[in-house]
Amino acid sequence: MRRAWIAFVPAVLVIGLAWSQNEQLAVTTEEQLAMHRNLGKAFYENPTTQQLAVSEFQKALALAPD
């Protein structure tokens, strides 16, 4: 009985890890757009990271040019 648990626990961990990575990949375009906009706004507020802000805004523009 104890050996069955030893094999079961790693299997559950591997399945859980694979499932969580698939969930992370299922990000919609709207969520990506919001993320790039929010990062751009945050980077723009700091003078030392304004170049990063431009990069994030360009990524947002590439996702939704309208």
N, C-alpha and C. Protein backbone atom coordinates (compact mmCIF):
# COMPACT_ATOMS: atom_id res chain seq x y z
N MET A 1 0.82 -1.20 0.00
CA MET A 1 0.00 0.00 0.00
C MET A 1 0.86 1.26 0.00
N ARG A 2 1.91 1.24 0.76
CA ARG A 2 2.77 2.42 0.85
C ARG A 2 3.46 2.71 -0.49
N ARG A 3 3.83 1.69 -1.21
CA ARG A 3 4.49 1.88 -2.51
C ARG A 3 3.54 2.50 -3.54
N ALA A 4 2.29 2.20 -3.41
CA ALA A 4 1.31 2.80 -4.33
C ALA A 4 1.27 4.31 -4.15
N TRP A 5 1.34 4.80 -2.94
CA TRP A 5 1.35 6.23 -2.68
C TRP A 5 2.61 6.89 -3.21
N ILE A 6 3.73 6.19 -3.11
CA ILE A 6 5.00 6.74 -3.59
C ILE A 6 4.94 6.99 -5.09
N ALA A 7 4.27 6.13 -5.82
CA ALA A 7 4.13 6.32 -7.27
C ALA A 7 3.02 7.31 -7.60
N PHE A 8 2.01 7.37 -6.76
CA PHE A 8 0.84 8.21 -7.03
C PHE A 8 1.14 9.70 -6.87
N VAL A 9 1.87 10.06 -5.84
CA VAL A 9 2.12 11.47 -5.54
C VAL A 9 2.90 12.16 -6.66
N PRO A 10 4.03 11.60 -7.16
CA PRO A 10 4.72 12.27 -8.27
C PRO A 10 3.86 12.37 -9.52
N ALA A 11 3.04 11.37 -9.77
CA ALA A 11 2.17 11.42 -10.95
C ALA A 11 1.18 12.57 -10.84
N VAL A 12 0.61 12.76 -9.69
CA VAL A 12 -0.33 13.87 -9.48
C VAL A 12 0.38 15.20 -9.64
N LEU A 13 1.60 15.31 -9.14
CA LEU A 13 2.35 16.56 -9.27
C LEU A 13 2.65 16.87 -10.73
N VAL A 14 3.03 15.88 -11.50
CA VAL A 14 3.33 16.09 -12.92
C VAL A 14 2.07 16.51 -13.67
N ILE A 15 0.97 15.84 -13.40
CA ILE A 15 -0.29 16.20 -14.07
C ILE A 15 -0.72 17.61 -13.67
N GLY A 16 -0.58 17.95 -12.40
CA GLY A 16 -0.95 19.28 -11.94
C GLY A 16 -0.09 20.36 -12.56
N LEU A 17 1.19 20.09 -12.69
CA LEU A 17 2.10 21.06 -13.31
C LEU A 17 1.76 21.26 -14.78
N ALA A 18 1.51 20.18 -15.49
CA ALA A 18 1.15 20.29 -16.91
C ALA A 18 -0.15 21.05 -17.08
N TRP A 19 -1.13 20.79 -16.23
CA TRP A 19 -2.41 21.47 -16.32
C TRP A 19 -2.27 22.96 -16.04
N SER A 20 -1.47 23.32 -15.04
CA SER A 20 -1.31 24.73 -14.69
C SER A 20 -0.59 25.48 -15.80
N GLN A 21 0.34 24.84 -16.49
CA GLN A 21 1.02 25.52 -17.58
C GLN A 21 0.07 25.72 -18.76
N ASN A 22 -0.81 24.77 -19.01
CA ASN A 22 -1.80 24.94 -20.07
C ASN A 22 -2.76 26.06 -19.73
N GLU A 23 -3.12 26.21 -18.48
CA GLU A 23 -4.00 27.29 -18.07
C GLU A 23 -3.33 28.65 -18.26
N GLN A 24 -2.03 28.72 -18.03
CA GLN A 24 -1.31 29.97 -18.20
C GLN A 24 -1.21 30.33 -19.68
N LEU A 25 -1.18 29.36 -20.55
CA LEU A 25 -1.06 29.63 -21.97
C LEU A 25 -2.39 30.09 -22.57
N ALA A 26 -3.48 29.84 -21.88
CA ALA A 26 -4.80 30.19 -22.39
C ALA A 26 -5.16 31.63 -22.03
N VAL A 27 -4.26 32.55 -22.29
CA VAL A 27 -4.50 33.97 -22.00
C VAL A 27 -5.09 34.60 -23.26
N THR A 28 -6.18 35.32 -23.08
CA THR A 28 -6.83 35.93 -24.23
C THR A 28 -6.05 37.17 -24.70
N THR A 29 -6.36 37.59 -25.90
CA THR A 29 -5.72 38.79 -26.45
C THR A 29 -6.07 40.01 -25.62
N GLU A 30 -7.29 40.05 -25.11
CA GLU A 30 -7.71 41.20 -24.28
C GLU A 30 -6.89 41.26 -23.00
N GLU A 31 -6.62 40.09 -22.41
CA GLU A 31 -5.81 40.05 -21.19
C GLU A 31 -4.37 40.48 -21.48
N GLN A 32 -3.83 40.05 -22.61
CA GLN A 32 -2.48 40.45 -22.99
C GLN A 32 -2.43 41.96 -23.23
N LEU A 33 -3.44 42.47 -23.89
CA LEU A 33 -3.50 43.90 -24.17
C LEU A 33 -3.55 44.70 -22.87
N ALA A 34 -4.36 44.28 -21.94
CA ALA A 34 -4.46 44.97 -20.65
C ALA A 34 -3.13 44.90 -19.90
N MET A 35 -2.46 43.75 -19.97
CA MET A 35 -1.18 43.60 -19.29
C MET A 35 -0.14 44.57 -19.86
N HIS A 36 -0.06 44.66 -21.19
CA HIS A 36 0.92 45.55 -21.82
C HIS A 36 0.60 47.02 -21.52
N ARG A 37 -0.68 47.36 -21.53
CA ARG A 37 -1.06 48.74 -21.19
C ARG A 37 -0.70 49.09 -19.75
N ASN A 38 -1.01 48.18 -18.83
CA ASN A 38 -0.73 48.43 -17.42
C ASN A 38 0.77 48.53 -17.16
N LEU A 39 1.54 47.63 -17.78
CA LEU A 39 2.99 47.71 -17.61
C LEU A 39 3.54 49.00 -18.21
N GLY A 40 3.01 49.38 -19.37
CA GLY A 40 3.44 50.62 -19.99
C GLY A 40 3.19 51.82 -19.11
N LYS A 41 2.00 51.87 -18.50
CA LYS A 41 1.68 52.98 -17.59
C LYS A 41 2.62 53.00 -16.39
N ALA A 42 2.88 51.82 -15.83
CA ALA A 42 3.76 51.74 -14.66
C ALA A 42 5.19 52.15 -15.01
N PHE A 43 5.68 51.68 -16.15
CA PHE A 43 7.04 52.03 -16.55
C PHE A 43 7.16 53.51 -16.90
N TYR A 44 6.10 54.10 -17.44
CA TYR A 44 6.14 55.50 -17.85
C TYR A 44 6.29 56.44 -16.66
N GLU A 45 5.78 56.04 -15.51
CA GLU A 45 5.84 56.90 -14.32
C GLU A 45 7.26 57.07 -13.79
N ASN A 46 8.15 56.16 -14.08
CA ASN A 46 9.54 56.23 -13.61
C ASN A 46 10.42 56.71 -14.77
N PRO A 47 11.13 57.80 -14.63
CA PRO A 47 11.95 58.32 -15.74
C PRO A 47 13.03 57.35 -16.21
N THR A 48 13.48 56.46 -15.35
CA THR A 48 14.54 55.54 -15.75
C THR A 48 14.01 54.35 -16.53
N THR A 49 12.70 54.14 -16.53
CA THR A 49 12.14 52.98 -17.24
C THR A 49 11.19 53.40 -18.37
N GLN A 50 11.32 54.61 -18.85
CA GLN A 50 10.42 55.07 -19.90
C GLN A 50 10.65 54.35 -21.22
N GLN A 51 11.86 53.88 -21.47
CA GLN A 51 12.11 53.10 -22.69
C GLN A 51 11.34 51.77 -22.63
N LEU A 52 11.25 51.18 -21.45
CA LEU A 52 10.46 49.96 -21.28
C LEU A 52 8.98 50.26 -21.51
N ALA A 53 8.55 51.44 -21.11
CA ALA A 53 7.16 51.84 -21.34
C ALA A 53 6.86 51.89 -22.83
N VAL A 54 7.76 52.46 -23.59
CA VAL A 54 7.58 52.53 -25.05
C VAL A 54 7.48 51.12 -25.63
N SER A 55 8.32 50.23 -25.16
CA SER A 55 8.29 48.85 -25.64
C SER A 55 6.96 48.18 -25.33
N GLU A 56 6.45 48.38 -24.13
CA GLU A 56 5.17 47.77 -23.75
C GLU A 56 4.02 48.36 -24.56
N PHE A 57 4.05 49.68 -24.78
CA PHE A 57 3.00 50.30 -25.57
C PHE A 57 3.05 49.83 -27.02
N GLN A 58 4.24 49.58 -27.55
CA GLN A 58 4.37 49.05 -28.91
C GLN A 58 3.80 47.64 -29.00
N LYS A 59 4.01 46.83 -27.97
CA LYS A 59 3.44 45.48 -27.94
C LYS A 59 1.91 45.56 -27.91
N ALA A 60 1.38 46.49 -27.13
CA ALA A 60 -0.08 46.66 -27.06
C ALA A 60 -0.61 47.12 -28.42
N LEU A 61 0.09 48.01 -29.07
CA LEU A 61 -0.33 48.50 -30.37
C LEU A 61 -0.28 47.39 -31.41
N ALA A 62 0.70 46.51 -31.31
CA ALA A 62 0.79 45.39 -32.26
C ALA A 62 -0.38 44.43 -32.07
N LEU A 63 -0.86 44.28 -30.84
CA LEU A 63 -1.99 43.38 -30.59
C LEU A 63 -3.31 43.96 -31.08
N ALA A 64 -3.47 45.28 -30.89
CA ALA A 64 -4.72 45.92 -31.26
C ALA A 64 -4.42 47.27 -31.90
N PRO A 65 -4.15 47.30 -33.19
CA PRO A 65 -3.80 48.56 -33.84
C PRO A 65 -4.92 49.58 -33.87
N ASP A 66 -6.14 49.14 -33.64
CA ASP A 66 -7.27 50.09 -33.67
C ASP A 66 -7.38 50.76 -32.32
